[in-house]
Amino acid sequence: MRKTLLAIAAATATVTAIPAEAKHGKHHHDQRRYYNSANGVRYWQGADGRYYCHRSNGTTGTIIGAAGGALAGRAIDTHGDRATGTILGAAAGALLGRAVDRGHVRCQ
């Protein structure tokens, strides 16, 4: 068993790595050069000459907002089992957190 494991380890160590371009079907001329604007937005110029930007899709803000909103909703709703306040607070917090995380930057 030990010899088999050593043989497998030696075989995998001698295999050359496949370049990332070959794995994903990308060519060298498709590499993007990113720039950062003064307000922190990351952008690049496409092959068509237009500028495109990369920004957060709001996932982190949605999760944090939902958690915070659920806690706030549960604390505000003091009647019964407080499930309604928790659910409404989570929904409102998620929407608010997503809006804050995405910001007001417009990409063209």
PDB file of N, CA and C in Angstrom:
ATOM      1  N   MET A   1       0.827  -1.190   0.000  1.00  0.00           N
ATOM      2  CA  MET A   1       0.000   0.000   0.000  1.00  0.00           C
ATOM      3  C   MET A   1       0.866   1.246   0.000  1.00  0.00           C
ATOM      4  N   ARG A   2       1.942   1.218   0.747  1.00  0.00           N
ATOM      5  CA  ARG A   2       2.819   2.373   0.839  1.00  0.00           C
ATOM      6  C   ARG A   2       3.482   2.664  -0.502  1.00  0.00           C
ATOM      7  N   LYS A   3       3.903   1.608  -1.212  1.00  0.00           N
ATOM      8  CA  LYS A   3       4.524   1.803  -2.517  1.00  0.00           C
ATOM      9  C   LYS A   3       3.528   2.367  -3.523  1.00  0.00           C
ATOM     10  N   THR A   4       2.287   1.949  -3.428  1.00  0.00           N
ATOM     11  CA  THR A   4       1.252   2.453  -4.328  1.00  0.00           C
ATOM     12  C   THR A   4       1.024   3.942  -4.106  1.00  0.00           C
ATOM     13  N   LEU A   5       0.938   4.342  -2.845  1.00  0.00           N
ATOM     14  CA  LEU A   5       0.750   5.753  -2.539  1.00  0.00           C
ATOM     15  C   LEU A   5       1.939   6.592  -2.998  1.00  0.00           C
ATOM     16  N   LEU A   6       3.151   6.081  -2.805  1.00  0.00           N
ATOM     17  CA  LEU A   6       4.339   6.806  -3.267  1.00  0.00           C
ATOM     18  C   LEU A   6       4.359   6.916  -4.787  1.00  0.00           C
ATOM     19  N   ALA A   7       3.936   5.872  -5.478  1.00  0.00           N
ATOM     20  CA  ALA A   7       3.895   5.905  -6.937  1.00  0.00           C
ATOM     21  C   ALA A   7       2.866   6.921  -7.434  1.00  0.00           C
ATOM     22  N   ILE A   8       1.718   6.983  -6.783  1.00  0.00           N
ATOM     23  CA  ILE A   8       0.694   7.963  -7.169  1.00  0.00           C
ATOM     24  C   ILE A   8       1.179   9.376  -6.903  1.00  0.00           C
ATOM     25  N   ALA A   9       1.822   9.597  -5.762  1.00  0.00           N
ATOM     26  CA  ALA A   9       2.347  10.923  -5.431  1.00  0.00           C
ATOM     27  C   ALA A   9       3.414  11.350  -6.422  1.00  0.00           C
ATOM     28  N   ALA A  10       4.296  10.426  -6.816  1.00  0.00           N
ATOM     29  CA  ALA A  10       5.338  10.752  -7.785  1.00  0.00           C
ATOM     30  C   ALA A  10       4.740  11.057  -9.151  1.00  0.00           C
ATOM     31  N   ALA A  11       3.705  10.317  -9.532  1.00  0.00           N
ATOM     32  CA  ALA A  11       3.070  10.554 -10.833  1.00  0.00           C
ATOM     33  C   ALA A  11       2.373  11.900 -10.874  1.00  0.00           C
ATOM     34  N   THR A  12       1.714  12.279  -9.799  1.00  0.00           N
ATOM     35  CA  THR A  12       1.022  13.570  -9.795  1.00  0.00           C
ATOM     36  C   THR A  12       2.001  14.726  -9.707  1.00  0.00           C
ATOM     37  N   ALA A  13       3.151  14.517  -9.107  1.00  0.00           N
ATOM     38  CA  ALA A  13       4.144  15.582  -9.012  1.00  0.00           C
ATOM     39  C   ALA A  13       4.794  15.863 -10.356  1.00  0.00           C
ATOM     40  N   THR A  14       4.844  14.888 -11.232  1.00  0.00           N
ATOM     41  CA  THR A  14       5.504  15.089 -12.522  1.00  0.00           C
ATOM     42  C   THR A  14       4.567  15.615 -13.595  1.00  0.00           C
ATOM     43  N   VAL A  15       3.260  15.617 -13.353  1.00  0.00           N
ATOM     44  CA  VAL A  15       2.309  16.131 -14.335  1.00  0.00           C
ATOM     45  C   VAL A  15       2.400  17.654 -14.339  1.00  0.00           C
ATOM     46  N   THR A  16       2.531  18.211 -15.527  1.00  0.00           N
ATOM     47  CA  THR A  16       2.615  19.673 -15.615  1.00  0.00           C
ATOM     48  C   THR A  16       1.227  20.265 -15.501  1.00  0.00           C
ATOM     49  N   ALA A  17       1.166  21.447 -14.968  1.00  0.00           N
ATOM     50  CA  ALA A  17      -0.115  22.129 -14.771  1.00  0.00           C
ATOM     51  C   ALA A  17      -0.628  22.666 -16.107  1.00  0.00           C
ATOM     52  N   ILE A  18      -1.929  22.600 -16.281  1.00  0.00           N
ATOM     53  CA  ILE A  18      -2.555  23.134 -17.489  1.00  0.00           C
ATOM     54  C   ILE A  18      -2.680  24.638 -17.307  1.00  0.00           C
ATOM     55  N   PRO A  19      -2.248  25.434 -18.284  1.00  0.00           N
ATOM     56  CA  PRO A  19      -2.372  26.885 -18.141  1.00  0.00           C
ATOM     57  C   PRO A  19      -3.832  27.302 -17.971  1.00  0.00           C
ATOM     58  N   ALA A  20      -4.040  28.393 -17.256  1.00  0.00           N
ATOM     59  CA  ALA A  20      -5.399  28.865 -16.990  1.00  0.00           C
ATOM     60  C   ALA A  20      -6.120  29.225 -18.278  1.00  0.00           C
ATOM     61  N   GLU A  21      -5.418  29.731 -19.283  1.00  0.00           N
ATOM     62  CA  GLU A  21      -6.056  30.101 -20.540  1.00  0.00           C
ATOM     63  C   GLU A  21      -6.622  28.872 -21.243  1.00  0.00           C
ATOM     64  N   ALA A  22      -5.912  27.758 -21.180  1.00  0.00           N
ATOM     65  CA  ALA A  22      -6.378  26.548 -21.850  1.00  0.00           C
ATOM     66  C   ALA A  22      -7.566  25.941 -21.105  1.00  0.00           C
ATOM     67  N   LYS A  23      -7.579  26.082 -19.783  1.00  0.00           N
ATOM     68  CA  LYS A  23      -8.663  25.509 -18.994  1.00  0.00           C
ATOM     69  C   LYS A  23      -9.988  26.209 -19.255  1.00  0.00           C
ATOM     70  N   HIS A  24      -9.953  27.515 -19.323  1.00  0.00           N
ATOM     71  CA  HIS A  24     -11.183  28.282 -19.409  1.00  0.00           C
ATOM     72  C   HIS A  24     -11.496  28.753 -20.819  1.00  0.00           C
ATOM     73  N   GLY A  25     -10.674  28.403 -21.792  1.00  0.00           N
ATOM     74  CA  GLY A  25     -10.938  28.804 -23.162  1.00  0.00           C
ATOM     75  C   GLY A  25     -10.648  30.273 -23.435  1.00  0.00           C
ATOM     76  N   LYS A  26      -9.905  30.917 -22.567  1.00  0.00           N
ATOM     77  CA  LYS A  26      -9.581  32.326 -22.765  1.00  0.00           C
ATOM     78  C   LYS A  26      -8.258  32.443 -23.506  1.00  0.00           C
ATOM     79  N   HIS A  27      -8.146  33.470 -24.280  1.00  0.00           N
ATOM     80  CA  HIS A  27      -6.916  33.723 -25.006  1.00  0.00           C
ATOM     81  C   HIS A  27      -6.170  34.875 -24.364  1.00  0.00           C
ATOM     82  N   HIS A  28      -4.938  35.014 -24.747  1.00  0.00           N
ATOM     83  CA  HIS A  28      -4.091  36.039 -24.142  1.00  0.00           C
ATOM     84  C   HIS A  28      -4.640  37.443 -24.384  1.00  0.00           C
ATOM     85  N   HIS A  29      -5.231  37.697 -25.536  1.00  0.00           N
ATOM     86  CA  HIS A  29      -5.707  39.039 -25.853  1.00  0.00           C
ATOM     87  C   HIS A  29      -6.999  39.397 -25.112  1.00  0.00           C
ATOM     88  N   ASP A  30      -7.598  38.453 -24.372  1.00  0.00           N
ATOM     89  CA  ASP A  30      -8.813  38.725 -23.618  1.00  0.00           C
ATOM     90  C   ASP A  30      -8.529  39.234 -22.204  1.00  0.00           C
ATOM     91  N   GLN A  31      -7.269  39.371 -21.848  1.00  0.00           N
ATOM     92  CA  GLN A  31      -6.930  39.818 -20.505  1.00  0.00           C
ATOM     93  C   GLN A  31      -7.378  41.266 -20.323  1.00  0.00           C
ATOM     94  N   ARG A  32      -8.033  41.560 -19.205  1.00  0.00           N
ATOM     95  CA  ARG A  32      -8.511  42.902 -18.915  1.00  0.00           C
ATOM     96  C   ARG A  32      -7.530  43.620 -18.017  1.00  0.00           C
ATOM     97  N   ARG A  33      -7.413  44.904 -18.231  1.00  0.00           N
ATOM     98  CA  ARG A  33      -6.618  45.743 -17.353  1.00  0.00           C
ATOM     99  C   ARG A  33      -7.582  46.609 -16.568  1.00  0.00           C
ATOM    100  N   TYR A  34      -7.582  46.457 -15.264  1.00  0.00           N
ATOM    101  CA  TYR A  34      -8.526  47.163 -14.416  1.00  0.00           C
ATOM    102  C   TYR A  34      -7.931  48.475 -13.920  1.00  0.00           C
ATOM    103  N   TYR A  35      -8.794  49.460 -13.750  1.00  0.00           N
ATOM    104  CA  TYR A  35      -8.441  50.759 -13.200  1.00  0.00           C
ATOM    105  C   TYR A  35      -9.374  51.041 -12.031  1.00  0.00           C
ATOM    106  N   ASN A  36      -8.947  51.907 -11.118  1.00  0.00           N
ATOM    107  CA  ASN A  36      -9.784  52.322 -10.002  1.00  0.00           C
ATOM    108  C   ASN A  36     -10.034  53.812 -10.102  1.00  0.00           C
ATOM    109  N   SER A  37     -11.308  54.212 -10.014  1.00  0.00           N
ATOM    110  CA  SER A  37     -11.648  55.626 -10.070  1.00  0.00           C
ATOM    111  C   SER A  37     -11.438  56.252  -8.693  1.00  0.00           C
ATOM    112  N   ALA A  38     -11.637  57.554  -8.613  1.00  0.00           N
ATOM    113  CA  ALA A  38     -11.427  58.275  -7.360  1.00  0.00           C
ATOM    114  C   ALA A  38     -12.404  57.826  -6.274  1.00  0.00           C
ATOM    115  N   ASN A  39     -13.608  57.393  -6.661  1.00  0.00           N
ATOM    116  CA  ASN A  39     -14.579  56.972  -5.655  1.00  0.00           C
ATOM    117  C   ASN A  39     -14.539  55.474  -5.377  1.00  0.00           C
ATOM    118  N   GLY A  40     -13.503  54.781  -5.864  1.00  0.00           N
ATOM    119  CA  GLY A  40     -13.296  53.383  -5.529  1.00  0.00           C
ATOM    120  C   GLY A  40     -13.970  52.381  -6.441  1.00  0.00           C
ATOM    121  N   VAL A  41     -14.536  52.833  -7.565  1.00  0.00           N
ATOM    122  CA  VAL A  41     -15.180  51.917  -8.496  1.00  0.00           C
ATOM    123  C   VAL A  41     -14.125  51.350  -9.432  1.00  0.00           C
ATOM    124  N   ARG A  42     -14.157  50.034  -9.598  1.00  0.00           N
ATOM    125  CA  ARG A  42     -13.195  49.354 -10.458  1.00  0.00           C
ATOM    126  C   ARG A  42     -13.779  49.265 -11.864  1.00  0.00           C
ATOM    127  N   TYR A  43     -13.030  49.668 -12.889  1.00  0.00           N
ATOM    128  CA  TYR A  43     -13.550  49.651 -14.249  1.00  0.00           C
ATOM    129  C   TYR A  43     -12.490  49.198 -15.232  1.00  0.00           C
ATOM    130  N   TRP A  44     -12.918  48.860 -16.460  1.00  0.00           N
ATOM    131  CA  TRP A  44     -12.020  48.463 -17.536  1.00  0.00           C
ATOM    132  C   TRP A  44     -12.612  48.902 -18.861  1.00  0.00           C
ATOM    133  N   GLN A  45     -11.766  48.970 -19.870  1.00  0.00           N
ATOM    134  CA  GLN A  45     -12.224  49.328 -21.204  1.00  0.00           C
ATOM    135  C   GLN A  45     -12.374  48.057 -22.025  1.00  0.00           C
ATOM    136  N   GLY A  46     -13.545  47.867 -22.598  1.00  0.00           N
ATOM    137  CA  GLY A  46     -13.822  46.683 -23.381  1.00  0.00           C
ATOM    138  C   GLY A  46     -13.239  46.779 -24.773  1.00  0.00           C
ATOM    139  N   ALA A  47     -13.326  45.688 -25.519  1.00  0.00           N
ATOM    140  CA  ALA A  47     -12.811  45.647 -26.884  1.00  0.00           C
ATOM    141  C   ALA A  47     -13.558  46.613 -27.792  1.00  0.00           C
ATOM    142  N   ASP A  48     -14.791  46.966 -27.427  1.00  0.00           N
ATOM    143  CA  ASP A  48     -15.579  47.887 -28.228  1.00  0.00           C
ATOM    144  C   ASP A  48     -15.305  49.346 -27.893  1.00  0.00           C
ATOM    145  N   GLY A  49     -14.379  49.615 -26.976  1.00  0.00           N
ATOM    146  CA  GLY A  49     -14.017  50.977 -26.608  1.00  0.00           C
ATOM    147  C   GLY A  49     -14.834  51.547 -25.463  1.00  0.00           C
ATOM    148  N   ARG A  50     -15.894  50.867 -25.058  1.00  0.00           N
ATOM    149  CA  ARG A  50     -16.717  51.344 -23.955  1.00  0.00           C
ATOM    150  C   ARG A  50     -16.081  50.961 -22.626  1.00  0.00           C
ATOM    151  N   TYR A  51     -16.388  51.751 -21.610  1.00  0.00           N
ATOM    152  CA  TYR A  51     -15.893  51.464 -20.268  1.00  0.00           C
ATOM    153  C   TYR A  51     -16.964  50.715 -19.489  1.00  0.00           C
ATOM    154  N   TYR A  52     -16.530  49.714 -18.751  1.00  0.00           N
ATOM    155  CA  TYR A  52     -17.416  48.915 -17.921  1.00  0.00           C
ATOM    156  C   TYR A  52     -16.892  48.948 -16.496  1.00  0.00           C
ATOM    157  N   CYS A  53     -17.803  48.868 -15.529  1.00  0.00           N
ATOM    158  CA  CYS A  53     -17.337  48.906 -14.146  1.00  0.00           C
ATOM    159  C   CYS A  53     -17.730  47.640 -13.409  1.00  0.00           C
ATOM    160  N   HIS A  54     -16.983  47.382 -12.370  1.00  0.00           N
ATOM    161  CA  HIS A  54     -17.198  46.209 -11.524  1.00  0.00           C
ATOM    162  C   HIS A  54     -17.505  46.721 -10.132  1.00  0.00           C
ATOM    163  N   ARG A  55     -18.657  46.361  -9.640  1.00  0.00           N
ATOM    164  CA  ARG A  55     -19.015  46.787  -8.292  1.00  0.00           C
ATOM    165  C   ARG A  55     -19.727  45.663  -7.571  1.00  0.00           C
ATOM    166  N   SER A  56     -19.936  45.858  -6.319  1.00  0.00           N
ATOM    167  CA  SER A  56     -20.557  44.840  -5.482  1.00  0.00           C
ATOM    168  C   SER A  56     -21.990  44.581  -5.938  1.00  0.00           C
ATOM    169  N   ASN A  57     -22.419  43.336  -5.864  1.00  0.00           N
ATOM    170  CA  ASN A  57     -23.793  43.008  -6.216  1.00  0.00           C
ATOM    171  C   ASN A  57     -24.734  43.102  -5.019  1.00  0.00           C
ATOM    172  N   GLY A  58     -24.230  43.451  -3.860  1.00  0.00           N
ATOM    173  CA  GLY A  58     -25.070  43.682  -2.694  1.00  0.00           C
ATOM    174  C   GLY A  58     -25.319  42.480  -1.811  1.00  0.00           C
ATOM    175  N   THR A  59     -24.646  41.377  -2.053  1.00  0.00           N
ATOM    176  CA  THR A  59     -24.898  40.164  -1.281  1.00  0.00           C
ATOM    177  C   THR A  59     -24.533  40.337   0.192  1.00  0.00           C
ATOM    178  N   THR A  60     -23.381  40.898   0.453  1.00  0.00           N
ATOM    179  CA  THR A  60     -22.944  41.080   1.839  1.00  0.00           C
ATOM    180  C   THR A  60     -23.894  42.002   2.589  1.00  0.00           C
ATOM    181  N   GLY A  61     -24.275  43.101   1.960  1.00  0.00           N
ATOM    182  CA  GLY A  61     -25.212  44.025   2.598  1.00  0.00           C
ATOM    183  C   GLY A  61     -26.561  43.391   2.856  1.00  0.00           C
ATOM    184  N   THR A  62     -26.988  42.535   1.930  1.00  0.00           N
ATOM    185  CA  THR A  62     -28.274  41.853   2.107  1.00  0.00           C
ATOM    186  C   THR A  62     -28.253  40.942   3.327  1.00  0.00           C
ATOM    187  N   ILE A  63     -27.193  40.178   3.466  1.00  0.00           N
ATOM    188  CA  ILE A  63     -27.092  39.234   4.587  1.00  0.00           C
ATOM    189  C   ILE A  63     -26.989  39.968   5.920  1.00  0.00           C
ATOM    190  N   ILE A  64     -26.126  40.958   5.982  1.00  0.00           N
ATOM    191  CA  ILE A  64     -25.957  41.702   7.233  1.00  0.00           C
ATOM    192  C   ILE A  64     -27.214  42.490   7.567  1.00  0.00           C
ATOM    193  N   GLY A  65     -27.823  43.093   6.540  1.00  0.00           N
ATOM    194  CA  GLY A  65     -29.058  43.844   6.763  1.00  0.00           C
ATOM    195  C   GLY A  65     -30.193  42.958   7.248  1.00  0.00           C
ATOM    196  N   ALA A  66     -30.306  41.757   6.675  1.00  0.00           N
ATOM    197  CA  ALA A  66     -31.363  40.836   7.103  1.00  0.00           C
ATOM    198  C   ALA A  66     -31.170  40.409   8.551  1.00  0.00           C
ATOM    199  N   ALA A  67     -29.924  40.125   8.920  1.00  0.00           N
ATOM    200  CA  ALA A  67     -29.663  39.719  10.307  1.00  0.00           C
ATOM    201  C   ALA A  67     -29.964  40.857  11.277  1.00  0.00           C
ATOM    202  N   GLY A  68     -29.492  42.046  10.946  1.00  0.00           N
ATOM    203  CA  GLY A  68     -29.753  43.197  11.816  1.00  0.00           C
ATOM    204  C   GLY A  68     -31.227  43.551  11.880  1.00  0.00           C
ATOM    205  N   GLY A  69     -31.900  43.478  10.716  1.00  0.00           N
ATOM    206  CA  GLY A  69     -33.327  43.774  10.682  1.00  0.00           C
ATOM    207  C   GLY A  69     -34.150  42.767  11.459  1.00  0.00           C
ATOM    208  N   ALA A  70     -33.749  41.499  11.408  1.00  0.00           N
ATOM    209  CA  ALA A  70     -34.462  40.470  12.172  1.00  0.00           C
ATOM    210  C   ALA A  70     -34.338  40.713  13.664  1.00  0.00           C
ATOM    211  N   LEU A  71     -33.152  41.084  14.095  1.00  0.00           N
ATOM    212  CA  LEU A  71     -32.963  41.375  15.525  1.00  0.00           C
ATOM    213  C   LEU A  71     -33.755  42.610  15.953  1.00  0.00           C
ATOM    214  N   ALA A  72     -33.725  43.643  15.096  1.00  0.00           N
ATOM    215  CA  ALA A  72     -34.474  44.862  15.425  1.00  0.00           C
ATOM    216  C   ALA A  72     -35.976  44.593  15.407  1.00  0.00           C
ATOM    217  N   GLY A  73     -36.448  43.847  14.418  1.00  0.00           N
ATOM    218  CA  GLY A  73     -37.870  43.533  14.339  1.00  0.00           C
ATOM    219  C   GLY A  73     -38.350  42.702  15.514  1.00  0.00           C
ATOM    220  N   ARG A  74     -37.517  41.796  15.954  1.00  0.00           N
ATOM    221  CA  ARG A  74     -37.869  40.967  17.109  1.00  0.00           C
ATOM    222  C   ARG A  74     -37.929  41.805  18.381  1.00  0.00           C
ATOM    223  N   ALA A  75     -37.038  42.776  18.497  1.00  0.00           N
ATOM    224  CA  ALA A  75     -37.028  43.632  19.689  1.00  0.00           C
ATOM    225  C   ALA A  75     -38.214  44.593  19.694  1.00  0.00           C
ATOM    226  N   ILE A  76     -38.624  45.052  18.506  1.00  0.00           N
ATOM    227  CA  ILE A  76     -39.736  46.003  18.429  1.00  0.00           C
ATOM    228  C   ILE A  76     -41.079  45.309  18.657  1.00  0.00           C
ATOM    229  N   ASP A  77     -41.263  44.131  18.059  1.00  0.00           N
ATOM    230  CA  ASP A  77     -42.525  43.391  18.192  1.00  0.00           C
ATOM    231  C   ASP A  77     -42.524  42.640  19.525  1.00  0.00           C
ATOM    232  N   THR A  78     -43.302  43.121  20.469  1.00  0.00           N
ATOM    233  CA  THR A  78     -43.312  42.504  21.804  1.00  0.00           C
ATOM    234  C   THR A  78     -44.576  41.711  22.074  1.00  0.00           C
ATOM    235  N   HIS A  79     -45.458  41.543  21.072  1.00  0.00           N
ATOM    236  CA  HIS A  79     -46.715  40.830  21.270  1.00  0.00           C
ATOM    237  C   HIS A  79     -46.622  39.410  20.716  1.00  0.00           C
ATOM    238  N   GLY A  80     -47.106  38.451  21.456  1.00  0.00           N
ATOM    239  CA  GLY A  80     -47.199  37.075  20.979  1.00  0.00           C
ATOM    240  C   GLY A  80     -45.838  36.418  20.797  1.00  0.00           C
ATOM    241  N   ASP A  81     -45.700  35.665  19.700  1.00  0.00           N
ATOM    242  CA  ASP A  81     -44.463  34.918  19.494  1.00  0.00           C
ATOM    243  C   ASP A  81     -43.388  35.726  18.752  1.00  0.00           C
ATOM    244  N   ARG A  82     -43.686  36.913  18.341  1.00  0.00           N
ATOM    245  CA  ARG A  82     -42.763  37.874  17.716  1.00  0.00           C
ATOM    246  C   ARG A  82     -42.221  37.415  16.365  1.00  0.00           C
ATOM    247  N   ALA A  83     -42.810  36.408  15.743  1.00  0.00           N
ATOM    248  CA  ALA A  83     -42.352  35.931  14.435  1.00  0.00           C
ATOM    249  C   ALA A  83     -42.618  36.960  13.347  1.00  0.00           C
ATOM    250  N   THR A  84     -43.759  37.632  13.431  1.00  0.00           N
ATOM    251  CA  THR A  84     -44.109  38.630  12.415  1.00  0.00           C
ATOM    252  C   THR A  84     -43.078  39.753  12.386  1.00  0.00           C
ATOM    253  N   GLY A  85     -42.720  40.271  13.547  1.00  0.00           N
ATOM    254  CA  GLY A  85     -41.726  41.338  13.616  1.00  0.00           C
ATOM    255  C   GLY A  85     -40.369  40.893  13.115  1.00  0.00           C
ATOM    256  N   THR A  86     -40.009  39.660  13.421  1.00  0.00           N
ATOM    257  CA  THR A  86     -38.725  39.125  12.971  1.00  0.00           C
ATOM    258  C   THR A  86     -38.684  39.013  11.451  1.00  0.00           C
ATOM    259  N   ILE A  87     -39.749  38.478  10.864  1.00  0.00           N
ATOM    260  CA  ILE A  87     -39.787  38.301   9.409  1.00  0.00           C
ATOM    261  C   ILE A  87     -39.831  39.643   8.683  1.00  0.00           C
ATOM    262  N   LEU A  88     -40.679  40.544   9.134  1.00  0.00           N
ATOM    263  CA  LEU A  88     -40.757  41.865   8.498  1.00  0.00           C
ATOM    264  C   LEU A  88     -39.461  42.651   8.678  1.00  0.00           C
ATOM    265  N   GLY A  89     -38.865  42.558   9.852  1.00  0.00           N
ATOM    266  CA  GLY A  89     -37.591  43.235  10.092  1.00  0.00           C
ATOM    267  C   GLY A  89     -36.479  42.683   9.219  1.00  0.00           C
ATOM    268  N   ALA A  90     -36.456  41.367   9.031  1.00  0.00           N
ATOM    269  CA  ALA A  90     -35.440  40.750   8.173  1.00  0.00           C
ATOM    270  C   ALA A  90     -35.614  41.191   6.726  1.00  0.00           C
ATOM    271  N   ALA A  91     -36.850  41.245   6.254  1.00  0.00           N
ATOM    272  CA  ALA A  91     -37.107  41.672   4.874  1.00  0.00           C
ATOM    273  C   ALA A  91     -36.709  43.130   4.664  1.00  0.00           C
ATOM    274  N   ALA A  92     -37.113  43.988   5.578  1.00  0.00           N
ATOM    275  CA  ALA A  92     -36.762  45.408   5.450  1.00  0.00           C
ATOM    276  C   ALA A  92     -35.255  45.621   5.572  1.00  0.00           C
ATOM    277  N   GLY A  93     -34.632  44.924   6.492  1.00  0.00           N
ATOM    278  CA  GLY A  93     -33.189  45.040   6.664  1.00  0.00           C
ATOM    279  C   GLY A  93     -32.420  44.542   5.459  1.00  0.00           C
ATOM    280  N   ALA A  94     -32.898  43.463   4.842  1.00  0.00           N
ATOM    281  CA  ALA A  94     -32.237  42.930   3.648  1.00  0.00           C
ATOM    282  C   ALA A  94     -32.303  43.933   2.506  1.00  0.00           C
ATOM    283  N   LEU A  95     -33.470  44.531   2.295  1.00  0.00           N
ATOM    284  CA  LEU A  95     -33.603  45.529   1.223  1.00  0.00           C
ATOM    285  C   LEU A  95     -32.732  46.756   1.487  1.00  0.00           C
ATOM    286  N   LEU A  96     -32.731  47.221   2.713  1.00  0.00           N
ATOM    287  CA  LEU A  96     -31.916  48.385   3.057  1.00  0.00           C
ATOM    288  C   LEU A  96     -30.429  48.070   2.954  1.00  0.00           C
ATOM    289  N   GLY A  97     -30.022  46.904   3.446  1.00  0.00           N
ATOM    290  CA  GLY A  97     -28.612  46.520   3.380  1.00  0.00           C
ATOM    291  C   GLY A  97     -28.120  46.364   1.953  1.00  0.00           C
ATOM    292  N   ARG A  98     -28.950  45.812   1.079  1.00  0.00           N
ATOM    293  CA  ARG A  98     -28.574  45.654  -0.332  1.00  0.00           C
ATOM    294  C   ARG A  98     -28.411  47.013  -1.001  1.00  0.00           C
ATOM    295  N   ALA A  99     -29.333  47.933  -0.710  1.00  0.00           N
ATOM    296  CA  ALA A  99     -29.257  49.261  -1.308  1.00  0.00           C
ATOM    297  C   ALA A  99     -28.000  49.998  -0.853  1.00  0.00           C
ATOM    298  N   VAL A 100     -27.654  49.860   0.407  1.00  0.00           N
ATOM    299  CA  VAL A 100     -26.454  50.525   0.923  1.00  0.00           C
ATOM    300  C   VAL A 100     -25.190  49.905   0.322  1.00  0.00           C
ATOM    301  N   ASP A 101     -25.156  48.585   0.218  1.00  0.00           N
ATOM    302  CA  ASP A 101     -23.972  47.898  -0.296  1.00  0.00           C
ATOM    303  C   ASP A 101     -23.752  48.192  -1.774  1.00  0.00           C
ATOM    304  N   ARG A 102     -24.805  48.253  -2.545  1.00  0.00           N
ATOM    305  CA  ARG A 102     -24.679  48.530  -3.990  1.00  0.00           C
ATOM    306  C   ARG A 102     -24.302  49.973  -4.252  1.00  0.00           C
ATOM    307  N   GLY A 103     -24.687  50.867  -3.388  1.00  0.00           N
ATOM    308  CA  GLY A 103     -24.361  52.271  -3.555  1.00  0.00           C
ATOM    309  C   GLY A 103     -25.175  52.895  -4.675  1.00  0.00           C
ATOM    310  N   HIS A 104     -24.773  54.075  -5.070  1.00  0.00           N
ATOM    311  CA  HIS A 104     -25.498  54.794  -6.109  1.00  0.00           C
ATOM    312  C   HIS A 104     -24.660  54.986  -7.381  1.00  0.00           C
ATOM    313  N   VAL A 105     -23.627  54.196  -7.558  1.00  0.00           N
ATOM    314  CA  VAL A 105     -22.773  54.295  -8.732  1.00  0.00           C
ATOM    315  C   VAL A 105     -23.502  53.714  -9.939  1.00  0.00           C
ATOM    316  N   ARG A 106     -23.487  54.439 -11.045  1.00  0.00           N
ATOM    317  CA  ARG A 106     -24.114  53.949 -12.270  1.00  0.00           C
ATOM    318  C   ARG A 106     -23.054  53.551 -13.252  1.00  0.00           C
ATOM    319  N   CYS A 107     -23.068  52.320 -13.666  1.00  0.00           N
ATOM    320  CA  CYS A 107     -22.115  51.840 -14.668  1.00  0.00           C
ATOM    321  C   CYS A 107     -22.748  51.955 -16.046  1.00  0.00           C
ATOM    322  N   GLN A 108     -21.991  52.405 -17.011  1.00  0.00           N
ATOM    323  CA  GLN A 108     -22.519  52.544 -18.369  1.00  0.00           C
ATOM    324  C   GLN A 108     -21.770  51.659 -19.307  1.00  0.00           C
TER     325      GLN A 108
END
